[in-house]
């Protein structure tokens, strides 16, 4: 029988691309959306799920199990961006970001683990971000939420080894998707001490997304990982320069790397 794959955030962007690719490869794919009725042309089944709502998660899992009686692969892809100076981002917006990017994925994992344990098999792929490996100015909340999911992945891997359940982390760089449209932007305040440099950073971020890579590369990378019996702890998918930035962080003194980032974002010290 074909393996059953659950992809959170499957109605657009990277999640949609992954779902379409895996469907072509013969997998039985279920994507999720908060409003699946608004999606008119999905190549795979969409179920209603809001990662911030535990009951919504349980309902979606039960719906899939009623049809398939198993879930072989969970791809935790749902996530939202957030930008702004940490001093100026409303606490409620920080909490909402962590609910979506950290607590939500944890709740979905908790919902599928009993199923995977019963099967004595399973694969969990957590989609984080290259930004999760570094504290980026005006993206500090986003960076920290993705970093937190990375640490959850590391811990889960060890906890789930006895049950033949594999967990891995995939960190994409910038891809040409609609993520910027759904990102929360802390407003550029007229009297803000960060006004000019924050606006420049916003413009730079949007430019990078617009010129990002093809999300099909991410779909192909996920598919390849799914063929590996014992996946690595983490995988990075992105442009060579983005990957090189991670290498520099490993080898450079902290202050030197910090200076490089500040120069990149035009922050004067």
Protein backbone atom coordinates (compact mmCIF):
# COMPACT_ATOMS: atom_id res chain seq x y z
CA UNK A 1 0.00 0.00 0.00
CA UNK A 2 1.07 3.56 -0.67
CA UNK A 3 2.44 5.47 2.30
CA UNK A 4 0.19 8.10 3.86
CA UNK A 5 1.71 11.56 4.25
CA UNK A 6 0.32 14.43 6.32
CA UNK A 7 1.59 17.92 5.46
CA UNK A 8 0.57 20.86 7.64
CA UNK A 9 0.18 24.09 5.72
CA UNK A 10 -0.47 22.31 2.43
CA UNK A 11 -2.67 24.82 0.64
CA UNK A 12 0.07 27.11 -0.68
CA UNK A 13 3.80 27.74 -0.97
CA UNK A 14 6.32 25.06 -0.08
CA UNK A 15 3.70 22.78 1.49
CA UNK A 16 1.58 22.75 -1.66
CA UNK A 17 4.63 22.10 -3.83
CA UNK A 18 5.73 19.18 -1.62
CA UNK A 19 2.22 17.72 -1.67
CA UNK A 20 1.95 17.87 -5.45
CA UNK A 21 5.37 16.30 -5.94
CA UNK A 22 4.69 13.45 -3.50
CA UNK A 23 1.29 12.83 -5.09
CA UNK A 24 3.00 12.37 -8.46
CA UNK A 25 5.37 9.90 -6.77
CA UNK A 26 2.44 7.76 -5.67
CA UNK A 27 2.01 8.78 -2.04
CA UNK A 28 -1.43 9.28 -0.49
CA UNK A 29 -1.12 12.91 0.57
CA UNK A 30 -3.24 14.88 3.02
CA UNK A 31 -2.52 18.56 3.34
CA UNK A 32 -4.01 20.90 5.89
CA UNK A 33 -5.52 24.35 5.75
CA UNK A 34 -7.45 26.50 8.17
CA UNK A 35 -9.98 27.08 5.37
CA UNK A 36 -9.80 24.16 2.90
CA UNK A 37 -13.17 25.13 1.38
CA UNK A 38 -11.51 28.22 -0.09
CA UNK A 39 -8.96 26.13 -2.02
CA UNK A 40 -10.54 25.18 -5.33
CA UNK A 41 -7.78 23.35 -7.18
CA UNK A 42 -5.74 21.08 -4.93
CA UNK A 43 -4.15 17.97 -6.44
CA UNK A 44 -4.38 16.19 -3.08
CA UNK A 45 -6.89 16.01 -0.22
CA UNK A 46 -7.03 18.99 2.15
CA UNK A 47 -8.39 18.69 5.67
CA UNK A 48 -9.30 21.48 8.06
CA UNK A 49 -6.60 22.04 10.70
CA UNK A 50 -5.36 25.01 12.71
CA UNK A 51 -2.09 24.15 14.47
CA UNK A 52 -2.99 26.62 17.24
CA UNK A 53 -6.11 24.60 18.09
CA UNK A 54 -5.57 21.21 19.76
CA UNK A 55 -9.13 20.03 19.06
CA UNK A 56 -8.72 20.98 15.41
CA UNK A 57 -5.58 18.84 15.28
CA UNK A 58 -7.32 15.84 16.84
CA UNK A 59 -10.27 16.16 14.46
CA UNK A 60 -7.98 16.20 11.43
CA UNK A 61 -5.97 13.17 12.60
CA UNK A 62 -9.17 11.23 13.27
CA UNK A 63 -10.50 12.13 9.80
CA UNK A 64 -7.36 10.82 8.12
CA UNK A 65 -7.24 7.66 10.23
CA UNK A 66 -10.89 6.92 9.46
CA UNK A 67 -9.94 6.79 5.77
CA UNK A 68 -6.43 5.33 5.92
CA UNK A 69 -5.97 3.73 9.36
CA UNK A 70 -2.35 4.92 9.37
CA UNK A 71 -0.04 7.91 9.01
CA UNK A 72 3.44 7.06 7.79
CA UNK A 73 5.00 10.50 7.42
CA UNK A 74 4.29 13.83 9.11
CA UNK A 75 5.75 16.95 7.50
CA UNK A 76 5.43 19.86 9.91
CA UNK A 77 5.48 22.65 7.37
CA UNK A 78 2.93 25.18 8.69
CA UNK A 79 4.58 28.35 9.91
CA UNK A 80 4.40 32.12 9.78
CA UNK A 81 6.96 34.87 9.50
CA UNK A 82 7.29 37.88 11.76
CA UNK A 83 9.50 40.95 11.55
CA UNK A 84 10.24 43.91 13.74
CA UNK A 85 12.52 45.24 16.42
CA UNK A 86 12.06 42.99 19.46
CA UNK A 87 11.42 46.08 21.60
CA UNK A 88 8.48 47.09 19.41
CA UNK A 89 6.74 43.76 18.63
CA UNK A 90 3.59 43.32 20.69
CA UNK A 91 3.87 40.40 23.11
CA UNK A 92 0.63 38.92 21.77
CA UNK A 93 2.18 38.74 18.30
CA UNK A 94 5.27 36.99 19.68
CA UNK A 95 3.03 34.47 21.45
CA UNK A 96 1.00 33.89 18.28
CA UNK A 97 4.17 33.24 16.31
CA UNK A 98 5.40 30.66 18.81
CA UNK A 99 1.95 29.04 18.88
CA UNK A 100 2.17 28.52 15.13
CA UNK A 101 5.88 27.79 14.68
CA UNK A 102 6.67 25.83 17.86
CA UNK A 103 3.73 24.78 20.01
CA UNK A 104 1.59 23.87 16.98
CA UNK A 105 4.11 21.44 15.49
CA UNK A 106 4.63 19.89 18.92
CA UNK A 107 0.88 19.30 19.29
CA UNK A 108 0.64 17.71 15.83
CA UNK A 109 3.59 15.44 16.65
CA UNK A 110 1.95 14.44 19.93
CA UNK A 111 -1.23 13.57 18.03
CA UNK A 112 0.46 11.27 15.49
CA UNK A 113 2.96 9.53 17.78
CA UNK A 114 0.49 6.99 19.23
CA UNK A 115 -0.38 6.00 15.66
CA UNK A 116 3.26 5.64 14.63
CA UNK A 117 4.12 3.69 17.77
CA UNK A 118 1.31 1.28 17.02
CA UNK A 119 2.70 0.87 13.51
CA UNK A 120 6.25 0.52 14.89
CA UNK A 121 7.33 2.92 12.17
CA UNK A 122 7.09 6.54 11.17
CA UNK A 123 8.93 9.61 9.99
CA UNK A 124 8.55 13.18 11.26
CA UNK A 125 10.07 15.98 9.18
CA UNK A 126 10.14 19.40 10.83
CA UNK A 127 10.53 22.28 8.39
CA UNK A 128 12.45 25.08 10.09
CA UNK A 129 14.64 27.72 8.43
CA UNK A 130 18.25 28.68 7.84
CA UNK A 131 17.27 31.75 9.88
CA UNK A 132 16.89 29.41 12.86
CA UNK A 133 20.65 28.94 13.03
CA UNK A 134 21.42 32.60 13.66
CA UNK A 135 19.85 35.54 15.48
CA UNK A 136 18.98 37.90 12.63
CA UNK A 137 18.23 41.57 13.37
CA UNK A 138 14.53 42.41 13.04
CA UNK A 139 13.82 38.69 12.60
CA UNK A 140 14.79 37.68 16.12
CA UNK A 141 11.39 36.26 17.05
CA UNK A 142 11.19 34.22 13.85
CA UNK A 143 14.78 33.00 14.20
CA UNK A 144 14.19 31.92 17.79
CA UNK A 145 10.94 30.10 16.99
CA UNK A 146 12.62 28.07 14.25
CA UNK A 147 15.65 27.44 16.46
CA UNK A 148 13.33 26.12 19.17
CA UNK A 149 11.79 23.63 16.73
CA UNK A 150 15.31 22.54 15.78
CA UNK A 151 16.06 21.69 19.42
CA UNK A 152 12.74 19.85 19.74
CA UNK A 153 13.80 17.77 16.74
CA UNK A 154 17.14 16.87 18.32
CA UNK A 155 15.49 15.74 21.56
CA UNK A 156 12.67 13.84 19.85
CA UNK A 157 15.10 11.86 17.72
CA UNK A 158 16.59 10.26 20.82
CA UNK A 159 13.30 9.77 22.62
CA UNK A 160 11.70 7.98 19.67
CA UNK A 161 14.55 5.70 18.59
CA UNK A 162 13.20 2.73 20.63
CA UNK A 163 9.92 2.91 18.66
CA UNK A 164 11.46 2.87 15.17
CA UNK A 165 10.25 6.44 14.56
CA UNK A 166 12.68 8.76 12.80
CA UNK A 167 12.73 12.54 13.18
CA UNK A 168 14.70 15.01 11.11
CA UNK A 169 14.92 18.72 10.50
CA UNK A 170 14.93 20.44 7.09
CA UNK A 171 15.99 24.09 7.05
CA UNK A 172 15.13 25.96 3.84
CA UNK A 173 16.60 29.25 2.79
CA UNK A 174 14.68 31.85 0.78
CA UNK A 175 12.21 30.45 -1.74
CA UNK A 176 9.91 32.29 -4.12
CA UNK A 177 6.59 31.75 -2.32
CA UNK A 178 3.80 33.89 -0.88
CA UNK A 179 5.27 33.72 2.64
CA UNK A 180 5.90 37.47 2.72
CA UNK A 181 2.19 38.13 2.20
CA UNK A 182 1.30 36.20 5.35
CA UNK A 183 4.15 37.52 7.47
CA UNK A 184 3.36 39.79 10.41
CA UNK A 185 5.22 43.09 10.07
CA UNK A 186 5.58 45.19 13.15
CA UNK A 187 4.72 48.65 11.74
CA UNK A 188 7.49 51.10 10.91
CA UNK A 189 6.69 53.79 13.46
CA UNK A 190 7.36 57.41 12.60
CA UNK A 191 9.01 58.14 15.93
CA UNK A 192 10.84 54.78 16.18
CA UNK A 193 14.53 54.70 16.98
CA UNK A 194 14.75 51.83 14.46
CA UNK A 195 12.75 53.50 11.67
CA UNK A 196 15.35 53.81 8.91
CA UNK A 197 17.34 50.62 9.46
CA UNK A 198 14.18 48.53 9.99
CA UNK A 199 12.66 49.83 6.75
CA UNK A 200 15.87 48.97 4.87
CA UNK A 201 15.81 45.49 6.40
CA UNK A 202 12.18 44.97 5.34
CA UNK A 203 12.98 45.97 1.79
CA UNK A 204 15.96 43.59 1.75
CA UNK A 205 13.91 40.66 3.12
CA UNK A 206 11.16 41.11 0.53
CA UNK A 207 13.73 41.34 -2.24
CA UNK A 208 15.35 38.08 -1.12
CA UNK A 209 12.01 36.26 -1.08
CA UNK A 210 11.04 37.60 -4.51
CA UNK A 211 14.35 36.37 -5.91
CA UNK A 212 14.28 33.13 -3.91
CA UNK A 213 14.83 29.65 -5.22
CA UNK A 214 12.32 27.31 -6.83
CA UNK A 215 10.17 25.61 -4.14
CA UNK A 216 10.31 22.48 -6.30
CA UNK A 217 13.88 22.06 -5.01
CA UNK A 218 12.49 21.79 -1.50
CA UNK A 219 9.94 19.19 -2.63
CA UNK A 220 12.66 17.10 -4.26
CA UNK A 221 14.85 17.34 -1.14
CA UNK A 222 11.98 16.17 1.09
CA UNK A 223 11.31 13.24 -1.25
CA UNK A 224 14.98 12.19 -1.16
CA UNK A 225 15.02 12.33 2.63
CA UNK A 226 11.94 10.12 2.74
CA UNK A 227 13.88 7.41 0.89
CA UNK A 228 16.61 7.31 3.56
CA UNK A 229 16.20 4.62 6.21
CA UNK A 230 18.07 6.56 8.90
CA UNK A 231 17.93 10.30 8.12
CA UNK A 232 20.50 12.72 9.48
CA UNK A 233 19.70 15.12 12.29
CA UNK A 234 19.35 18.05 9.89
CA UNK A 235 19.39 19.02 6.24
CA UNK A 236 19.82 22.49 4.73
CA UNK A 237 18.19 23.38 1.42
CA UNK A 238 19.09 26.72 -0.12
CA UNK A 239 21.38 28.78 -2.28
CA UNK A 240 25.17 28.18 -1.89
CA UNK A 241 25.67 31.62 -0.32
CA UNK A 242 23.03 30.89 2.33
CA UNK A 243 24.69 27.59 3.18
CA UNK A 244 28.07 29.31 3.25
CA UNK A 245 26.77 31.72 5.89
CA UNK A 246 26.22 28.74 8.21
CA UNK A 247 29.75 27.54 7.56
CA UNK A 248 31.11 30.99 8.43
CA UNK A 249 29.24 30.98 11.72
CA UNK A 250 30.92 27.70 12.66
CA UNK A 251 34.45 28.89 11.98
CA UNK A 252 34.43 32.61 12.80
CA UNK A 253 34.64 34.19 16.25
CA UNK A 254 31.22 35.33 17.45
CA UNK A 255 31.97 39.05 17.25
CA UNK A 256 33.40 38.76 13.75
CA UNK A 257 30.30 36.96 12.49
CA UNK A 258 28.10 39.50 14.25
CA UNK A 259 29.94 42.31 12.47
CA UNK A 260 29.35 40.63 9.11
CA UNK A 261 25.62 40.47 9.79
CA UNK A 262 25.52 44.08 10.95
CA UNK A 263 27.30 45.21 7.80
CA UNK A 264 24.90 43.16 5.69
CA UNK A 265 21.89 44.80 7.35
CA UNK A 266 23.61 48.22 7.40
CA UNK A 267 23.47 48.55 11.17
CA UNK A 268 26.01 51.01 12.54
CA UNK A 269 27.66 50.41 15.89
